[in-house]
Amino acid sequence: MKKLIYIALLAIGFASCSDFLDIDDATKISNDKLFSTLSGVEEALNGIYYGMTDFDYYGCNMIMAAEVKGGNLKINDLTFENPFSFNYIPAFQFTHTEDGQDDYFDGFYSEIYKIISQANNVIENIEYAEDATEAEKTQAVAEAKAIRALAHFDLTKLYAQPYAYTANAQHLGIPYMLRNIAYDEHTTRDLLFNNYEAIVTDLLEAEAGLGTAIGIEEANYSKAYMSKLAAQALLARVYLYKNDWDKAREYATKVIENGSVSLVENPELVDYYIKNEPTREDIFILDNAGVNQSAPLSDRIGISDDRTKLLLLATNDIIDLYEAGDVRAELIGQQLGGNLTRKWTEFSNKDHYTPVIRLAEMYLIRAEASLNLPITDEVQARADLDVIRKRANPNATNLQLSGAALKEELFQERRRELAFEGHLFFDIVRMGKDLRRVDCNALQNVNVDYPSNLFVLPIPEDAIRGNSSMVQNPGY
């Protein structure tokens, strides 16, 4: 496994209590010592990758946000007495508050900005690594910029309305942190347009600079580090959210035609999720092997070794989307009589590694982009959708749909293929769709029409206190 030096988490930019974006120098090991050697840079980067597996990021809640809100999950315990389900009620019922009381999703803001701070620390201090070659310095900065871009992108999905909410995204996004700030500096929210410009710039610079990752000890886990291919795949995703259909299609095609990744075949598909080894389909993963928190996703929504209670269940809304012969239906399992996902199966007291981005998504991105070009390419869209459909069910007939029906099939295929991987709600919002949940036991906001103030989280109270420049989201 990749070497995770946990002391690096203490060394590279924890946020202070007064403002999630302030950097408290008293909490950091001297940067000139940490970054004076290539091994120190390696420690810092590994600390960032480790931090991304935190419960409040890809270790659990970045995945849960899309599934709890989007309708793939419902809360089992209607008395809401168990804390593992109780703290998802604000997300399930869209009743978040600024103080984040009893709300698991209150931790996103601080945790993700911590990752950004750590990435900035690498970028700002790489020059002090005396034993690093220029190529190694370029690689380190490129990895950090790719991570910084992904982290900011995820923040926009959580705290800002989608790109198409206003013409040319002229509405509030998030503060984009190109550098770490002093404790007495205030931050302001940029326009979402500017956020996306910065995200794309970071990813393009990462694409140009990424080569061989620093610190790889096992080739099998090379996908747990940012690569050129990962940057290109992330660009395809970002361009999709930006509605830049030409670029989304261009970058999805780059990844598909790269040749270094390929889809796992139908007989392997179930094992792809149950086994705990990266496969040829993965593009960028997070390695949960060092996570000191057992298996939070398996414990909540997946197959757990020691399950004694059902917390959140897969809904019939997602289960009923799988037709007879679709092997993905086998990824719904049961424990204690409840429907759960086998995509998160506990393995040696840990969760399956987190597939942040994989090749199947690129086919879906190219299909969607092809349907939204000024001159639509339905032939390409149907072909790409059939690749994913027939991988899941070799007996599926070729798609014959067109127009609005084909676009709806694209949405449903994304839901089927990417279920429980952290996409559904964000797809609903960016596509400007109304949220409709049928198998849902929420006591309020079962259905929410687009657009809605409820579709974004409140900026946490602690991030606003003491910062007169910070603006709260409407409705909070």
Protein backbone atom coordinates (compact mmCIF):
# COMPACT_ATOMS: atom_id res chain seq x y z
CA MET A 1 0.00 0.00 0.00
CA LYS A 2 1.10 3.57 -0.37
CA LYS A 3 3.06 4.85 2.60
CA LEU A 4 0.86 7.13 4.67
CA ILE A 5 2.80 9.31 7.07
CA TYR A 6 0.11 10.47 9.42
CA ILE A 7 2.27 13.11 11.09
CA ALA A 8 1.96 15.01 7.83
CA LEU A 9 -1.63 15.73 8.73
CA LEU A 10 -0.35 17.79 11.63
CA ALA A 11 2.23 19.43 9.46
CA ILE A 12 0.35 20.85 6.53
CA GLY A 13 -2.24 23.39 7.23
CA PHE A 14 -5.02 22.56 9.66
CA ALA A 15 -7.63 25.30 9.73
CA SER A 16 -8.14 27.30 12.90
CA CYS A 17 -11.35 27.25 14.90
CA SER A 18 -12.27 30.86 14.19
CA ASP A 19 -12.34 30.59 10.40
CA PHE A 20 -12.13 27.39 8.40
CA LEU A 21 -9.88 29.11 5.88
CA ASP A 22 -7.39 30.63 8.34
CA ILE A 23 -4.06 28.92 8.81
CA ASP A 24 -2.81 28.77 12.38
CA ASP A 25 0.98 28.65 12.27
CA ALA A 26 1.12 27.35 15.82
CA THR A 27 -0.35 24.03 14.70
CA LYS A 28 2.21 23.33 12.00
CA ILE A 29 5.62 21.76 11.99
CA SER A 30 8.08 24.15 10.40
CA ASN A 31 7.52 24.02 6.66
CA ASP A 32 11.16 24.63 5.88
CA LYS A 33 11.97 21.31 7.59
CA LEU A 34 9.06 19.32 6.15
CA PHE A 35 9.66 20.47 2.59
CA SER A 36 13.45 20.56 2.66
CA THR A 37 13.65 17.02 1.21
CA LEU A 38 11.78 15.01 -1.38
CA SER A 39 10.80 12.52 1.31
CA GLY A 40 9.15 15.35 3.22
CA VAL A 41 7.20 16.32 0.12
CA GLU A 42 6.17 12.68 -0.24
CA GLU A 43 4.95 12.67 3.36
CA ALA A 44 2.95 15.82 2.73
CA LEU A 45 1.30 14.45 -0.41
CA ASN A 46 0.51 11.12 1.21
CA GLY A 47 -1.01 13.02 4.11
CA ILE A 48 -3.34 14.76 1.65
CA TYR A 49 -4.44 11.51 0.02
CA TYR A 50 -5.02 10.07 3.45
CA GLY A 51 -7.06 13.12 4.44
CA MET A 52 -9.31 12.68 1.42
CA THR A 53 -10.48 9.36 2.91
CA ASP A 54 -11.81 11.15 5.98
CA PHE A 55 -15.38 10.39 7.10
CA ASP A 56 -16.38 13.96 6.16
CA TYR A 57 -15.08 13.57 2.61
CA TYR A 58 -14.70 10.53 0.35
CA GLY A 59 -14.46 8.15 3.30
CA CYS A 60 -18.23 8.40 3.67
CA ASN A 61 -20.23 11.58 3.37
CA MET A 62 -19.30 12.80 -0.12
CA ILE A 63 -20.81 9.53 -1.34
CA MET A 64 -23.75 9.66 1.05
CA ALA A 65 -24.76 13.22 0.09
CA ALA A 66 -25.77 12.25 -3.44
CA GLU A 67 -27.53 9.05 -2.42
CA VAL A 68 -29.46 10.22 0.66
CA LYS A 69 -30.68 13.38 -1.06
CA GLY A 70 -31.23 11.90 -4.51
CA GLY A 71 -33.54 9.02 -3.64
CA ASN A 72 -31.38 5.91 -3.79
CA LEU A 73 -31.53 5.63 0.02
CA LYS A 74 -34.15 5.98 2.72
CA ILE A 75 -33.86 5.91 6.49
CA ASN A 76 -34.99 2.62 7.98
CA ASP A 77 -35.63 3.61 11.59
CA LEU A 78 -38.71 5.86 11.54
CA THR A 79 -38.17 6.65 15.22
CA PHE A 80 -34.83 8.20 14.17
CA GLU A 81 -33.25 7.05 17.42
CA ASN A 82 -30.02 5.61 16.08
CA PRO A 83 -27.31 8.27 15.62
CA PHE A 84 -26.04 6.61 12.43
CA SER A 85 -29.37 7.37 10.78
CA PHE A 86 -30.57 10.30 12.90
CA ASN A 87 -27.73 12.55 11.75
CA TYR A 88 -28.74 12.03 8.11
CA ILE A 89 -32.25 13.40 8.69
CA PRO A 90 -31.31 16.99 7.69
CA ALA A 91 -30.01 15.70 4.36
CA PHE A 92 -32.88 13.27 3.85
CA GLN A 93 -35.52 15.91 4.59
CA PHE A 94 -33.62 19.00 3.33
CA THR A 95 -33.76 20.67 6.73
CA HIS A 96 -30.13 21.76 7.14
CA THR A 97 -29.40 24.71 9.45
CA GLU A 98 -26.41 27.04 9.75
CA ASP A 99 -25.37 25.65 13.12
CA GLY A 100 -25.27 22.11 11.71
CA GLN A 101 -26.79 20.58 14.82
CA ASP A 102 -27.14 16.79 14.53
CA ASP A 103 -26.08 16.98 10.89
CA TYR A 104 -23.31 14.79 9.49
CA PHE A 105 -22.92 17.11 6.52
CA ASP A 106 -21.79 20.02 8.68
CA GLY A 107 -18.22 18.74 8.37
CA PHE A 108 -17.77 19.14 4.61
CA TYR A 109 -16.68 22.75 4.64
CA SER A 110 -13.84 22.49 7.12
CA GLU A 111 -12.61 19.10 5.95
CA ILE A 112 -12.44 19.95 2.26
CA TYR A 113 -10.82 23.33 2.85
CA LYS A 114 -8.28 21.53 5.02
CA ILE A 115 -7.38 19.39 2.00
CA ILE A 116 -7.03 22.57 -0.09
CA SER A 117 -4.80 24.14 2.53
CA GLN A 118 -2.57 21.08 2.50
CA ALA A 119 -2.35 21.13 -1.30
CA ASN A 120 -1.45 24.82 -1.22
CA ASN A 121 1.28 24.10 1.27
CA VAL A 122 2.92 21.71 -1.19
CA ILE A 123 2.64 24.23 -4.02
CA GLU A 124 3.97 27.12 -1.95
CA ASN A 125 6.92 25.26 -0.42
CA ILE A 126 8.11 22.89 -3.12
CA GLU A 127 11.01 25.19 -3.96
CA TYR A 128 12.68 24.30 -0.65
CA ALA A 129 13.07 20.60 -1.53
CA GLU A 130 16.81 20.72 -2.16
CA ASP A 131 17.26 17.09 -3.23
CA ALA A 132 14.31 17.07 -5.65
CA THR A 133 14.84 17.33 -9.37
CA GLU A 134 12.83 19.84 -11.40
CA ALA A 135 10.79 16.96 -12.80
CA GLU A 136 9.96 15.77 -9.28
CA LYS A 137 8.99 19.28 -8.22
CA THR A 138 6.77 19.63 -11.28
CA GLN A 139 5.13 16.30 -10.46
CA ALA A 140 4.47 17.26 -6.84
CA VAL A 141 2.89 20.58 -7.81
CA ALA A 142 0.79 18.90 -10.50
CA GLU A 143 -0.56 16.33 -8.03
CA ALA A 144 -1.39 19.10 -5.56
CA LYS A 145 -3.13 21.20 -8.21
CA ALA A 146 -5.25 18.27 -9.38
CA ILE A 147 -6.30 17.61 -5.78
CA ARG A 148 -6.96 21.33 -5.21
CA ALA A 149 -9.16 21.44 -8.30
CA LEU A 150 -11.16 18.36 -7.28
CA ALA A 151 -11.67 19.69 -3.76
CA HIS A 152 -12.92 23.08 -4.98
CA PHE A 153 -15.14 21.38 -7.54
CA ASP A 154 -16.73 19.25 -4.82
CA LEU A 155 -17.33 22.36 -2.71
CA THR A 156 -19.18 24.03 -5.58
CA LYS A 157 -21.44 20.97 -5.87
CA LEU A 158 -22.32 21.24 -2.20
CA TYR A 159 -22.50 24.99 -1.56
CA ALA A 160 -23.38 26.62 -4.92
CA GLN A 161 -26.24 26.35 -7.37
CA PRO A 162 -25.37 24.57 -10.64
CA TYR A 163 -23.61 26.26 -13.53
CA ALA A 164 -26.80 26.80 -15.55
CA TYR A 165 -28.64 28.41 -12.60
CA THR A 166 -27.84 31.82 -14.11
CA ALA A 167 -26.61 32.84 -17.54
CA ASN A 168 -22.86 32.23 -17.69
CA ALA A 169 -22.81 31.18 -14.02
CA GLN A 170 -22.96 34.73 -12.67
CA HIS A 171 -24.10 33.65 -9.21
CA LEU A 172 -22.17 33.02 -6.01
CA GLY A 173 -19.81 30.11 -5.86
CA ILE A 174 -17.26 29.50 -3.13
CA PRO A 175 -13.96 31.08 -2.06
CA TYR A 176 -11.24 29.68 -4.36
CA MET A 177 -8.04 29.42 -2.37
CA LEU A 178 -5.01 29.79 -4.63
CA ARG A 179 -2.86 30.40 -1.57
CA ASN A 180 -3.05 29.93 2.17
CA ILE A 181 -4.09 33.05 4.04
CA ALA A 182 -3.11 34.65 7.32
CA TYR A 183 -5.35 34.36 10.36
CA ASP A 184 -6.57 37.95 10.04
CA GLU A 185 -7.42 37.83 6.32
CA HIS A 186 -11.04 37.60 5.24
CA THR A 187 -12.22 35.49 2.33
CA THR A 188 -15.02 36.23 -0.11
CA ARG A 189 -17.10 34.05 -2.36
CA ASP A 190 -16.22 34.20 -6.05
CA LEU A 191 -18.74 33.93 -8.85
CA LEU A 192 -19.27 30.33 -9.87
CA PHE A 193 -17.99 31.27 -13.35
CA ASN A 194 -14.66 32.24 -11.79
CA ASN A 195 -14.61 29.06 -9.71
CA TYR A 196 -14.87 26.94 -12.84
CA GLU A 197 -12.22 28.96 -14.65
CA ALA A 198 -9.83 28.32 -11.75
CA ILE A 199 -10.74 24.62 -11.53
CA VAL A 200 -10.12 24.13 -15.24
CA THR A 201 -6.84 26.06 -15.07
CA ASP A 202 -5.60 23.91 -12.19
CA LEU A 203 -6.54 20.71 -14.01
CA LEU A 204 -4.99 21.79 -17.31
CA GLU A 205 -1.75 22.65 -15.53
CA ALA A 206 -1.92 19.32 -13.71
CA GLU A 207 -2.49 17.49 -16.98
CA ALA A 208 0.62 19.12 -18.42
CA GLY A 209 2.80 18.36 -15.39
CA LEU A 210 1.73 14.90 -14.26
CA GLY A 211 4.08 12.01 -14.90
CA THR A 212 5.23 9.36 -12.44
CA ALA A 213 3.71 9.85 -9.01
CA ILE A 214 6.01 10.46 -6.07
CA GLY A 215 6.15 7.72 -3.44
CA ILE A 216 4.52 4.76 -5.19
CA GLU A 217 5.53 1.58 -3.40
CA GLU A 218 3.09 -0.88 -4.99
CA ALA A 219 2.30 -0.61 -8.67
CA ASN A 220 -1.16 -2.03 -8.09
CA TYR A 221 -2.03 1.07 -6.08
CA SER A 222 -0.65 3.60 -8.55
CA LYS A 223 -4.26 4.59 -9.23
CA ALA A 224 -4.40 5.98 -5.70
CA TYR A 225 -2.27 8.88 -6.92
CA MET A 226 -3.22 11.63 -9.33
CA SER A 227 -2.14 10.85 -12.90
CA LYS A 228 -2.39 12.57 -16.26
CA LEU A 229 -5.29 10.27 -17.11
CA ALA A 230 -7.03 11.15 -13.84
CA ALA A 231 -6.68 14.87 -14.60
CA GLN A 232 -8.16 14.31 -18.06
CA ALA A 233 -11.06 12.31 -16.63
CA LEU A 234 -11.73 15.01 -14.05
CA LEU A 235 -11.65 17.62 -16.82
CA ALA A 236 -14.31 15.62 -18.69
CA ARG A 237 -16.47 15.64 -15.55
CA VAL A 238 -15.93 19.34 -14.86
CA TYR A 239 -16.68 20.32 -18.46
CA LEU A 240 -19.87 18.24 -18.24
CA TYR A 241 -21.01 20.17 -15.15
CA LYS A 242 -20.06 23.38 -16.95
CA ASN A 243 -22.22 22.39 -19.94
CA ASP A 244 -19.16 22.74 -22.17
CA TRP A 245 -20.26 19.84 -24.33
CA ASP A 246 -17.44 20.01 -26.88
CA LYS A 247 -14.75 19.86 -24.23
CA ALA A 248 -16.56 17.22 -22.18
CA ARG A 249 -16.77 15.00 -25.24
CA GLU A 250 -13.16 15.73 -26.21
CA TYR A 251 -11.75 14.78 -22.81
CA ALA A 252 -13.99 11.75 -22.33
CA THR A 253 -12.78 10.51 -25.71
CA LYS A 254 -9.14 11.09 -24.71
CA VAL A 255 -9.62 8.83 -21.71
CA ILE A 256 -11.60 6.16 -23.57
CA GLU A 257 -9.02 6.01 -26.36
CA ASN A 258 -6.01 6.14 -24.04
CA GLY A 259 -5.76 2.36 -23.90
CA SER A 260 -4.35 2.09 -20.39
CA VAL A 261 -7.79 1.45 -18.87
CA SER A 262 -10.63 -0.76 -20.05
CA LEU A 263 -14.03 -1.86 -18.80
CA VAL A 264 -14.21 -5.00 -16.72
CA GLU A 265 -16.39 -7.57 -18.47
CA ASN A 266 -19.83 -8.80 -17.47
CA PRO A 267 -18.71 -11.91 -15.53
CA GLU A 268 -16.35 -9.75 -13.44
CA LEU A 269 -18.71 -6.91 -12.67
CA VAL A 270 -20.04 -8.05 -9.30
CA ASP A 271 -16.60 -9.11 -8.08
CA TYR A 272 -15.27 -5.72 -9.18
CA TYR A 273 -17.03 -4.22 -6.18
CA ILE A 274 -16.79 -7.08 -3.70
CA LYS A 275 -13.07 -7.71 -4.05
CA ASN A 276 -10.73 -5.16 -2.55
CA GLU A 277 -8.26 -4.74 -5.41
CA PRO A 278 -8.10 -1.92 -7.98
CA THR A 279 -8.96 -3.05 -11.49
CA ARG A 280 -8.25 -2.00 -15.04
CA GLU A 281 -11.46 0.11 -15.05
CA ASP A 282 -10.37 2.41 -12.22
CA ILE A 283 -8.84 5.76 -13.12
CA PHE A 284 -8.46 7.41 -9.72
CA ILE A 285 -9.18 5.74 -6.40
CA LEU A 286 -8.68 6.49 -2.73
CA ASP A 287 -7.07 3.74 -0.71
CA ASN A 288 -9.00 3.15 2.51
CA ALA A 289 -6.45 0.71 3.91
CA GLY A 290 -5.06 3.18 6.41
CA VAL A 291 -8.35 4.74 7.47
CA ASN A 292 -8.75 4.53 11.23
CA GLN A 293 -12.53 4.42 11.18
CA SER A 294 -13.50 0.86 10.24
CA ALA A 295 -16.04 0.73 7.41
CA PRO A 296 -18.51 3.63 7.65
CA LEU A 297 -20.13 3.13 4.23
CA SER A 298 -20.49 -0.61 4.66
CA ASP A 299 -21.81 -0.12 8.16
CA ARG A 300 -24.47 2.32 6.98
CA ILE A 301 -25.58 1.18 3.53
CA GLY A 302 -23.61 -1.92 2.57
CA ILE A 303 -22.75 -5.42 3.66
CA SER A 304 -21.22 -5.39 7.13
CA ASP A 305 -19.55 -8.20 9.05
CA ASP A 306 -21.20 -7.36 12.36
CA ARG A 307 -24.53 -5.84 11.37
CA THR A 308 -27.06 -5.75 14.22
CA LYS A 309 -29.33 -2.98 12.94
CA LEU A 310 -30.55 -1.56 9.64
CA LEU A 311 -29.85 2.15 9.26
CA LEU A 312 -30.32 3.27 5.66
CA LEU A 313 -31.81 1.08 2.95
CA ALA A 314 -31.67 0.96 -0.83
CA THR A 315 -35.01 2.20 -2.17
CA ASN A 316 -37.29 0.47 -4.60
CA ASP A 317 -36.78 3.55 -6.79
CA ILE A 318 -33.29 2.32 -7.69
CA ILE A 319 -33.94 -1.43 -7.37
CA ASP A 320 -36.83 -1.31 -9.86
CA LEU A 321 -34.63 0.34 -12.51
CA TYR A 322 -32.73 -2.90 -13.10
CA GLU A 323 -34.37 -5.09 -15.72
CA ALA A 324 -34.23 -8.88 -15.83
CA GLY A 325 -30.80 -10.00 -16.96
CA ASP A 326 -28.99 -6.89 -15.69
CA VAL A 327 -26.13 -8.21 -13.56
CA ARG A 328 -26.05 -4.94 -11.62
CA ALA A 329 -29.23 -6.09 -9.86
CA GLU A 330 -26.98 -8.59 -8.06
CA LEU A 331 -25.26 -5.64 -6.40
CA ILE A 332 -28.34 -5.25 -4.21
CA GLY A 333 -27.95 -7.62 -1.27
CA GLN A 334 -29.78 -8.26 1.96
CA GLN A 335 -28.93 -8.32 5.63
CA LEU A 336 -31.48 -8.61 8.43
CA GLY A 337 -34.17 -8.60 5.75
CA GLY A 338 -33.28 -5.16 4.40
CA ASN A 339 -32.02 -4.15 0.96
CA LEU A 340 -28.45 -2.87 0.95
CA THR A 341 -25.78 -2.26 -1.67
CA ARG A 342 -23.00 -4.78 -2.18
CA LYS A 343 -20.88 -2.04 -3.75
CA TRP A 344 -19.74 -1.30 -0.20
CA THR A 345 -18.79 -4.65 1.28
CA GLU A 346 -16.72 -4.72 4.44
CA PHE A 347 -13.29 -6.23 3.86
CA SER A 348 -10.95 -6.95 6.78
CA ASN A 349 -12.80 -4.39 8.91
CA LYS A 350 -12.36 -1.73 6.22
CA ASP A 351 -14.42 -0.45 3.34
CA HIS A 352 -13.68 -1.28 -0.27
CA TYR A 353 -11.37 1.36 -1.71
CA THR A 354 -13.24 4.41 -3.04
CA PRO A 355 -13.51 4.58 -6.86
CA VAL A 356 -13.53 8.37 -7.33
CA ILE A 357 -13.63 8.09 -11.11
CA ARG A 358 -13.73 5.09 -13.44
CA LEU A 359 -13.95 4.44 -17.15
CA ALA A 360 -17.68 3.68 -17.34
CA GLU A 361 -18.39 7.30 -16.40
CA MET A 362 -16.44 8.49 -19.43
CA TYR A 363 -18.80 6.64 -21.80
CA LEU A 364 -21.76 8.22 -20.02
CA ILE A 365 -20.17 11.67 -20.20
CA ARG A 366 -19.49 11.32 -23.93
CA ALA A 367 -23.06 10.14 -24.49
CA GLU A 368 -24.53 13.10 -22.62
CA ALA A 369 -22.24 15.60 -24.31
CA SER A 370 -23.13 14.15 -27.72
CA LEU A 371 -26.83 14.69 -26.99
CA ASN A 372 -26.32 18.32 -26.06
CA LEU A 373 -24.06 19.53 -28.86
CA PRO A 374 -25.54 22.23 -31.15
CA ILE A 375 -25.73 19.47 -33.76
CA THR A 376 -26.62 16.45 -31.70
CA ASP A 377 -24.93 13.13 -32.31
CA GLU A 378 -27.51 10.57 -31.25
CA VAL A 379 -25.64 7.78 -33.01
CA GLN A 380 -22.62 8.29 -30.74
CA ALA A 381 -24.83 8.68 -27.67
CA ARG A 382 -26.71 5.43 -28.33
CA ALA A 383 -23.46 3.61 -29.04
CA ASP A 384 -21.89 4.75 -25.77
CA LEU A 385 -25.00 3.94 -23.76
CA ASP A 386 -25.14 0.50 -25.36
CA VAL A 387 -21.55 -0.18 -24.29
CA ILE A 388 -22.58 0.26 -20.66
CA ARG A 389 -26.01 -1.37 -21.03
CA LYS A 390 -24.67 -4.46 -22.80
CA ARG A 391 -21.77 -4.82 -20.40
CA ALA A 392 -24.41 -5.15 -17.67
CA ASN A 393 -26.79 -7.27 -19.77
CA PRO A 394 -25.31 -8.89 -22.90
CA ASN A 395 -28.84 -9.76 -24.08
CA ALA A 396 -30.03 -6.14 -24.09
CA THR A 397 -31.29 -4.95 -27.47
CA ASN A 398 -29.78 -1.91 -29.17
CA LEU A 399 -31.29 1.41 -28.16
CA GLN A 400 -33.66 2.92 -30.70
CA LEU A 401 -34.68 6.00 -28.69
CA SER A 402 -34.16 9.58 -29.79
CA GLY A 403 -34.83 13.13 -28.61
CA ALA A 404 -36.17 13.67 -25.10
CA ALA A 405 -36.66 9.94 -24.57
CA LEU A 406 -32.98 9.29 -25.25
CA LYS A 407 -31.94 12.03 -22.82
CA GLU A 408 -34.15 10.50 -20.14
CA GLU A 409 -32.62 7.08 -20.79
CA LEU A 410 -29.18 8.65 -20.39
CA PHE A 411 -30.18 9.98 -16.97
CA GLN A 412 -31.60 6.62 -15.92
CA GLU A 413 -28.52 4.77 -17.15
CA ARG A 414 -26.27 7.08 -15.13
CA ARG A 415 -28.43 6.29 -12.11
CA ARG A 416 -28.21 2.55 -12.68
CA GLU A 417 -24.48 2.43 -13.39
CA LEU A 418 -23.25 4.96 -10.81
CA ALA A 419 -25.65 4.07 -7.99
CA PHE A 420 -24.17 4.44 -4.49
CA GLU A 421 -21.00 6.04 -5.85
CA GLY A 422 -21.94 9.66 -5.12
CA HIS A 423 -23.56 11.03 -8.30
CA LEU A 424 -27.37 10.94 -8.30
CA PHE A 425 -28.37 14.15 -6.50
CA PHE A 426 -25.67 16.18 -8.22
CA ASP A 427 -26.93 14.87 -11.58
CA ILE A 428 -30.49 15.91 -10.74
CA VAL A 429 -29.41 19.43 -9.80
CA ARG A 430 -27.01 20.10 -12.67
CA MET A 431 -29.58 18.83 -15.18
CA GLY A 432 -32.20 21.16 -13.74
CA LYS A 433 -34.55 18.30 -12.89
CA ASP A 434 -37.21 18.25 -10.18
CA LEU A 435 -36.41 15.89 -7.32
CA ARG A 436 -39.00 13.12 -7.23
CA ARG A 437 -38.83 10.35 -4.64
CA VAL A 438 -41.46 7.58 -4.54
CA ASP A 439 -40.15 5.03 -2.06
CA CYS A 440 -39.40 7.72 0.49
CA ASN A 441 -40.39 7.97 4.14
CA ALA A 442 -39.25 11.55 4.73
CA LEU A 443 -41.74 13.60 6.73
CA GLN A 444 -41.16 16.72 4.65
CA ASN A 445 -39.68 17.76 1.30
CA VAL A 446 -40.21 14.35 -0.29
CA ASN A 447 -40.35 16.13 -3.65
CA VAL A 448 -38.59 19.42 -4.41
CA ASP A 449 -39.01 21.40 -7.60
CA TYR A 450 -36.02 22.88 -9.42
CA PRO A 451 -34.74 25.51 -8.80
CA SER A 452 -34.69 25.52 -5.02
CA ASN A 453 -32.67 27.09 -2.23
CA LEU A 454 -32.84 23.65 -0.61
CA PHE A 455 -30.51 22.22 -3.24
CA VAL A 456 -27.43 23.83 -1.63
CA LEU A 457 -26.04 23.49 1.87
CA PRO A 458 -25.79 26.48 4.20
CA ILE A 459 -22.36 27.99 4.73
CA PRO A 460 -21.53 26.82 8.28
CA GLU A 461 -22.10 29.31 11.04
CA ASP A 462 -18.47 29.11 12.17
CA ALA A 463 -17.26 30.08 8.69
CA ILE A 464 -19.34 33.27 8.76
CA ARG A 465 -18.74 34.31 12.36
CA GLY A 466 -16.01 36.93 12.44
CA ASN A 467 -15.86 37.25 8.65
CA SER A 468 -18.00 40.17 7.50
CA SER A 469 -17.11 39.36 3.89
CA MET A 470 -18.73 35.92 3.87
CA VAL A 471 -22.25 35.72 2.43
CA GLN A 472 -24.76 33.05 3.45
CA ASN A 473 -26.74 31.08 0.88
CA PRO A 474 -30.34 32.29 0.34
CA GLY A 475 -32.94 30.61 2.51
CA TYR A 476 -30.69 30.16 5.54
